[in-house]
Amino acid sequence: MAKQPTRQGRPPSEVRPLPYNDGQMSADKSLKARMMTGYALCAIAESQIHAGELERALKSIRAIREMVAEMNSLLDEPREYSLSAIREAKDTLADLETRLQAAEAAIPG
């Protein structure tokens, strides 16, 4: 009896299981998109500070802080994220926090 071809025509002995399911992959992508949005907003806040638009910069910083708090709460119960996505998110959040502190420090008064 011949082996039945499976995923992309490979025999079952060569097929490795996926590391996580489609739902988890989608959740990981969503988390990554939020992190990238945080970086973009941080860059906007930094530009606003350099342009002297301090009120706008403060609003951007508040929005980023809310996003960071939301992502931290999502990571507190990481049922739907892969371990690698959680590690990456925690590293990114630490980096965002450092950038936020530097941006806040650059605002006079």
N, C-alpha and C. Protein backbone atom coordinates (compact mmCIF):
# COMPACT_ATOMS: atom_id res chain seq x y z
N MET A 1 0.84 -1.18 0.00
CA MET A 1 0.00 0.00 0.00
C MET A 1 0.89 1.25 0.00
N ALA A 2 0.67 2.14 -0.95
CA ALA A 2 1.48 3.35 -1.09
C ALA A 2 1.04 4.40 -0.07
N LYS A 3 2.00 5.22 0.33
CA LYS A 3 1.69 6.32 1.27
C LYS A 3 0.83 7.35 0.55
N GLN A 4 -0.14 7.86 1.27
CA GLN A 4 -0.99 8.90 0.72
C GLN A 4 -0.25 10.24 0.78
N PRO A 5 -0.20 10.98 -0.34
CA PRO A 5 0.46 12.29 -0.27
C PRO A 5 -0.36 13.23 0.60
N THR A 6 0.33 14.08 1.32
CA THR A 6 -0.33 15.06 2.18
C THR A 6 0.18 16.44 1.84
N ARG A 7 0.12 17.33 2.76
CA ARG A 7 0.47 18.71 2.58
C ARG A 7 1.56 18.91 1.54
N GLN A 8 1.22 19.60 0.48
CA GLN A 8 2.11 19.94 -0.62
C GLN A 8 2.75 18.71 -1.25
N GLY A 9 2.02 17.58 -1.26
CA GLY A 9 2.48 16.40 -1.95
C GLY A 9 3.55 15.60 -1.23
N ARG A 10 3.88 15.94 0.00
CA ARG A 10 4.92 15.20 0.72
C ARG A 10 4.31 14.00 1.45
N PRO A 11 5.04 12.91 1.55
CA PRO A 11 4.53 11.76 2.29
C PRO A 11 4.42 12.08 3.78
N PRO A 12 3.54 11.40 4.52
CA PRO A 12 3.32 11.70 5.94
C PRO A 12 4.59 11.71 6.78
N SER A 13 5.57 10.89 6.45
CA SER A 13 6.80 10.85 7.25
C SER A 13 7.60 12.16 7.15
N GLU A 14 7.36 12.94 6.11
CA GLU A 14 8.09 14.19 5.92
C GLU A 14 7.29 15.41 6.35
N VAL A 15 6.07 15.21 6.77
CA VAL A 15 5.22 16.34 7.15
C VAL A 15 5.40 16.61 8.64
N ARG A 16 5.81 17.82 8.95
CA ARG A 16 5.95 18.22 10.34
C ARG A 16 4.71 18.97 10.76
N PRO A 17 4.27 18.78 12.01
CA PRO A 17 3.10 19.55 12.45
C PRO A 17 3.43 21.04 12.53
N LEU A 18 2.45 21.85 12.29
CA LEU A 18 2.65 23.29 12.42
C LEU A 18 2.88 23.63 13.88
N PRO A 19 3.72 24.63 14.18
CA PRO A 19 4.03 24.95 15.57
C PRO A 19 2.83 25.50 16.34
N TYR A 20 1.87 26.08 15.65
CA TYR A 20 0.66 26.56 16.31
C TYR A 20 -0.44 26.65 15.27
N ASN A 21 -1.66 26.83 15.76
CA ASN A 21 -2.80 26.81 14.85
C ASN A 21 -3.04 28.16 14.19
N ASP A 22 -3.95 28.18 13.23
CA ASP A 22 -4.25 29.41 12.49
C ASP A 22 -4.75 30.53 13.39
N GLY A 23 -5.56 30.19 14.39
CA GLY A 23 -6.07 31.20 15.32
C GLY A 23 -4.94 31.85 16.09
N GLN A 24 -4.00 31.04 16.51
CA GLN A 24 -2.85 31.57 17.25
C GLN A 24 -1.98 32.43 16.33
N MET A 25 -1.81 32.00 15.09
CA MET A 25 -1.02 32.77 14.14
C MET A 25 -1.67 34.13 13.91
N SER A 26 -2.98 34.15 13.79
CA SER A 26 -3.70 35.40 13.60
C SER A 26 -3.56 36.31 14.83
N ALA A 27 -3.66 35.73 16.02
CA ALA A 27 -3.50 36.51 17.25
C ALA A 27 -2.09 37.07 17.34
N ASP A 28 -1.08 36.26 16.97
CA ASP A 28 0.31 36.72 16.99
C ASP A 28 0.50 37.90 16.04
N LYS A 29 -0.09 37.81 14.85
CA LYS A 29 0.01 38.90 13.88
C LYS A 29 -0.66 40.16 14.41
N SER A 30 -1.80 39.99 15.06
CA SER A 30 -2.51 41.13 15.64
C SER A 30 -1.66 41.81 16.72
N LEU A 31 -1.03 41.00 17.54
CA LEU A 31 -0.16 41.54 18.59
C LEU A 31 1.02 42.29 17.97
N LYS A 32 1.60 41.72 16.94
CA LYS A 32 2.73 42.36 16.27
C LYS A 32 2.30 43.68 15.64
N ALA A 33 1.10 43.71 15.06
CA ALA A 33 0.59 44.95 14.47
C ALA A 33 0.42 46.03 15.53
N ARG A 34 -0.04 45.65 16.70
CA ARG A 34 -0.18 46.62 17.79
C ARG A 34 1.18 47.17 18.22
N MET A 35 2.16 46.29 18.27
CA MET A 35 3.50 46.73 18.66
C MET A 35 4.06 47.71 17.63
N MET A 36 3.86 47.42 16.35
CA MET A 36 4.35 48.30 15.30
C MET A 36 3.61 49.65 15.34
N THR A 37 2.34 49.62 15.68
CA THR A 37 1.59 50.86 15.84
C THR A 37 2.16 51.68 16.99
N GLY A 38 2.53 51.00 18.06
CA GLY A 38 3.16 51.69 19.19
C GLY A 38 4.45 52.37 18.78
N TYR A 39 5.28 51.68 17.99
CA TYR A 39 6.51 52.29 17.50
C TYR A 39 6.22 53.52 16.62
N ALA A 40 5.23 53.39 15.75
CA ALA A 40 4.88 54.51 14.87
C ALA A 40 4.39 55.70 15.67
N LEU A 41 3.53 55.46 16.67
CA LEU A 41 3.04 56.56 17.50
C LEU A 41 4.17 57.19 18.30
N CYS A 42 5.13 56.39 18.71
CA CYS A 42 6.28 56.91 19.45
C CYS A 42 7.09 57.85 18.55
N ALA A 43 7.28 57.45 17.31
CA ALA A 43 8.01 58.30 16.36
C ALA A 43 7.25 59.60 16.12
N ILE A 44 5.93 59.51 16.06
CA ILE A 44 5.11 60.71 15.88
C ILE A 44 5.26 61.64 17.08
N ALA A 45 5.21 61.08 18.28
CA ALA A 45 5.36 61.89 19.50
C ALA A 45 6.73 62.57 19.53
N GLU A 46 7.77 61.83 19.15
CA GLU A 46 9.11 62.41 19.12
C GLU A 46 9.20 63.55 18.12
N SER A 47 8.57 63.39 16.96
CA SER A 47 8.54 64.45 15.94
C SER A 47 7.78 65.66 16.45
N GLN A 48 6.68 65.41 17.15
CA GLN A 48 5.89 66.52 17.71
C GLN A 48 6.69 67.31 18.74
N ILE A 49 7.48 66.60 19.53
CA ILE A 49 8.33 67.28 20.52
C ILE A 49 9.35 68.15 19.81
N HIS A 50 10.01 67.59 18.80
CA HIS A 50 11.02 68.35 18.06
C HIS A 50 10.42 69.55 17.34
N ALA A 51 9.15 69.45 16.95
CA ALA A 51 8.48 70.56 16.27
C ALA A 51 7.89 71.57 17.25
N GLY A 52 8.01 71.28 18.54
CA GLY A 52 7.48 72.20 19.55
C GLY A 52 5.98 72.06 19.80
N GLU A 53 5.37 71.01 19.26
CA GLU A 53 3.94 70.77 19.46
C GLU A 53 3.75 69.91 20.71
N LEU A 54 3.98 70.52 21.86
CA LEU A 54 4.05 69.76 23.11
C LEU A 54 2.70 69.18 23.54
N GLU A 55 1.63 69.92 23.34
CA GLU A 55 0.30 69.39 23.72
C GLU A 55 -0.04 68.15 22.89
N ARG A 56 0.23 68.23 21.61
CA ARG A 56 -0.02 67.07 20.74
C ARG A 56 0.87 65.89 21.14
N ALA A 57 2.11 66.19 21.49
CA ALA A 57 3.04 65.14 21.91
C ALA A 57 2.52 64.46 23.18
N LEU A 58 2.03 65.26 24.11
CA LEU A 58 1.50 64.68 25.36
C LEU A 58 0.29 63.80 25.09
N LYS A 59 -0.57 64.20 24.15
CA LYS A 59 -1.72 63.37 23.79
C LYS A 59 -1.25 62.06 23.15
N SER A 60 -0.26 62.15 22.30
CA SER A 60 0.28 60.94 21.68
C SER A 60 0.88 60.01 22.73
N ILE A 61 1.61 60.57 23.67
CA ILE A 61 2.22 59.77 24.73
C ILE A 61 1.15 59.09 25.56
N ARG A 62 0.09 59.82 25.89
CA ARG A 62 -1.02 59.20 26.65
C ARG A 62 -1.64 58.04 25.87
N ALA A 63 -1.82 58.24 24.56
CA ALA A 63 -2.40 57.17 23.72
C ALA A 63 -1.48 55.95 23.71
N ILE A 64 -0.18 56.18 23.63
CA ILE A 64 0.77 55.06 23.63
C ILE A 64 0.74 54.35 24.98
N ARG A 65 0.70 55.11 26.05
CA ARG A 65 0.64 54.51 27.39
C ARG A 65 -0.61 53.63 27.55
N GLU A 66 -1.74 54.09 27.02
CA GLU A 66 -2.96 53.29 27.07
C GLU A 66 -2.79 52.00 26.27
N MET A 67 -2.16 52.10 25.10
CA MET A 67 -1.93 50.93 24.27
C MET A 67 -1.00 49.95 24.97
N VAL A 68 0.05 50.46 25.59
CA VAL A 68 1.00 49.61 26.31
C VAL A 68 0.30 48.90 27.47
N ALA A 69 -0.53 49.63 28.20
CA ALA A 69 -1.27 49.03 29.33
C ALA A 69 -2.20 47.93 28.83
N GLU A 70 -2.86 48.18 27.70
CA GLU A 70 -3.76 47.17 27.13
C GLU A 70 -2.98 45.93 26.69
N MET A 71 -1.84 46.14 26.06
CA MET A 71 -1.04 44.99 25.62
C MET A 71 -0.50 44.21 26.82
N ASN A 72 -0.10 44.92 27.88
CA ASN A 72 0.36 44.23 29.09
C ASN A 72 -0.75 43.37 29.69
N SER A 73 -1.97 43.90 29.70
CA SER A 73 -3.08 43.11 30.25
C SER A 73 -3.38 41.90 29.37
N LEU A 74 -3.23 42.04 28.05
CA LEU A 74 -3.42 40.89 27.16
C LEU A 74 -2.36 39.82 27.42
N LEU A 75 -1.15 40.25 27.71
CA LEU A 75 -0.06 39.31 27.94
C LEU A 75 -0.13 38.66 29.32
N ASP A 76 -0.89 39.27 30.23
CA ASP A 76 -1.04 38.66 31.55
C ASP A 76 -1.80 37.34 31.48
N GLU A 77 -2.68 37.21 30.49
CA GLU A 77 -3.41 35.97 30.26
C GLU A 77 -3.23 35.58 28.79
N PRO A 78 -2.06 35.04 28.46
CA PRO A 78 -1.69 34.83 27.06
C PRO A 78 -2.23 33.55 26.44
N ARG A 79 -3.49 33.25 26.62
CA ARG A 79 -4.05 31.99 26.12
C ARG A 79 -3.88 31.82 24.62
N GLU A 80 -3.94 32.90 23.87
CA GLU A 80 -3.99 32.74 22.41
C GLU A 80 -2.70 33.12 21.69
N TYR A 81 -1.62 33.40 22.43
CA TYR A 81 -0.38 33.80 21.80
C TYR A 81 0.68 32.72 21.95
N SER A 82 1.56 32.63 20.97
CA SER A 82 2.67 31.69 21.06
C SER A 82 3.71 32.24 22.03
N LEU A 83 4.55 31.37 22.55
CA LEU A 83 5.58 31.80 23.50
C LEU A 83 6.55 32.78 22.86
N SER A 84 6.88 32.56 21.60
CA SER A 84 7.81 33.48 20.94
C SER A 84 7.19 34.86 20.76
N ALA A 85 5.89 34.92 20.48
CA ALA A 85 5.20 36.20 20.33
C ALA A 85 5.15 36.93 21.67
N ILE A 86 4.96 36.18 22.75
CA ILE A 86 4.92 36.79 24.08
C ILE A 86 6.28 37.38 24.44
N ARG A 87 7.34 36.61 24.19
CA ARG A 87 8.70 37.11 24.48
C ARG A 87 9.00 38.36 23.66
N GLU A 88 8.67 38.32 22.38
CA GLU A 88 8.91 39.47 21.51
C GLU A 88 8.12 40.68 21.98
N ALA A 89 6.87 40.46 22.36
CA ALA A 89 6.02 41.56 22.82
C ALA A 89 6.57 42.18 24.10
N LYS A 90 7.03 41.35 25.02
CA LYS A 90 7.57 41.88 26.28
C LYS A 90 8.83 42.70 26.02
N ASP A 91 9.68 42.22 25.11
CA ASP A 91 10.88 42.99 24.76
C ASP A 91 10.50 44.32 24.11
N THR A 92 9.53 44.27 23.22
CA THR A 92 9.08 45.48 22.54
C THR A 92 8.46 46.46 23.51
N LEU A 93 7.66 45.97 24.44
CA LEU A 93 7.03 46.85 25.43
C LEU A 93 8.09 47.52 26.31
N ALA A 94 9.13 46.79 26.66
CA ALA A 94 10.21 47.38 27.44
C ALA A 94 10.90 48.48 26.65
N ASP A 95 11.12 48.24 25.35
CA ASP A 95 11.73 49.24 24.49
C ASP A 95 10.83 50.46 24.34
N LEU A 96 9.54 50.22 24.15
CA LEU A 96 8.59 51.34 24.05
C LEU A 96 8.57 52.16 25.33
N GLU A 97 8.64 51.50 26.46
CA GLU A 97 8.65 52.20 27.75
C GLU A 97 9.87 53.11 27.85
N THR A 98 11.02 52.61 27.41
CA THR A 98 12.25 53.40 27.43
C THR A 98 12.10 54.63 26.53
N ARG A 99 11.55 54.42 25.34
CA ARG A 99 11.35 55.55 24.41
C ARG A 99 10.34 56.54 24.96
N LEU A 100 9.30 56.06 25.62
CA LEU A 100 8.30 56.96 26.21
C LEU A 100 8.92 57.80 27.31
N GLN A 101 9.72 57.18 28.15
CA GLN A 101 10.38 57.94 29.23
C GLN A 101 11.29 59.01 28.66
N ALA A 102 12.03 58.68 27.60
CA ALA A 102 12.91 59.66 26.96
C ALA A 102 12.09 60.79 26.35
N ALA A 103 10.98 60.48 25.72
CA ALA A 103 10.12 61.50 25.12
C ALA A 103 9.54 62.41 26.20
N GLU A 104 9.08 61.82 27.28
CA GLU A 104 8.53 62.62 28.39
C GLU A 104 9.61 63.54 28.99
N ALA A 105 10.82 63.02 29.11
CA ALA A 105 11.92 63.80 29.67
C ALA A 105 12.29 64.98 28.76
N ALA A 106 12.03 64.84 27.47
CA ALA A 106 12.38 65.90 26.52
C ALA A 106 11.37 67.05 26.52
N ILE A 107 10.24 66.84 27.19
CA ILE A 107 9.21 67.89 27.24
C ILE A 107 9.54 68.82 28.41
N PRO A 108 9.78 70.09 28.14
CA PRO A 108 10.10 71.02 29.23
C PRO A 108 8.90 71.25 30.16
N GLY A 109 9.22 71.46 31.41
CA GLY A 109 8.19 71.80 32.39
C GLY A 109 7.51 70.65 32.90
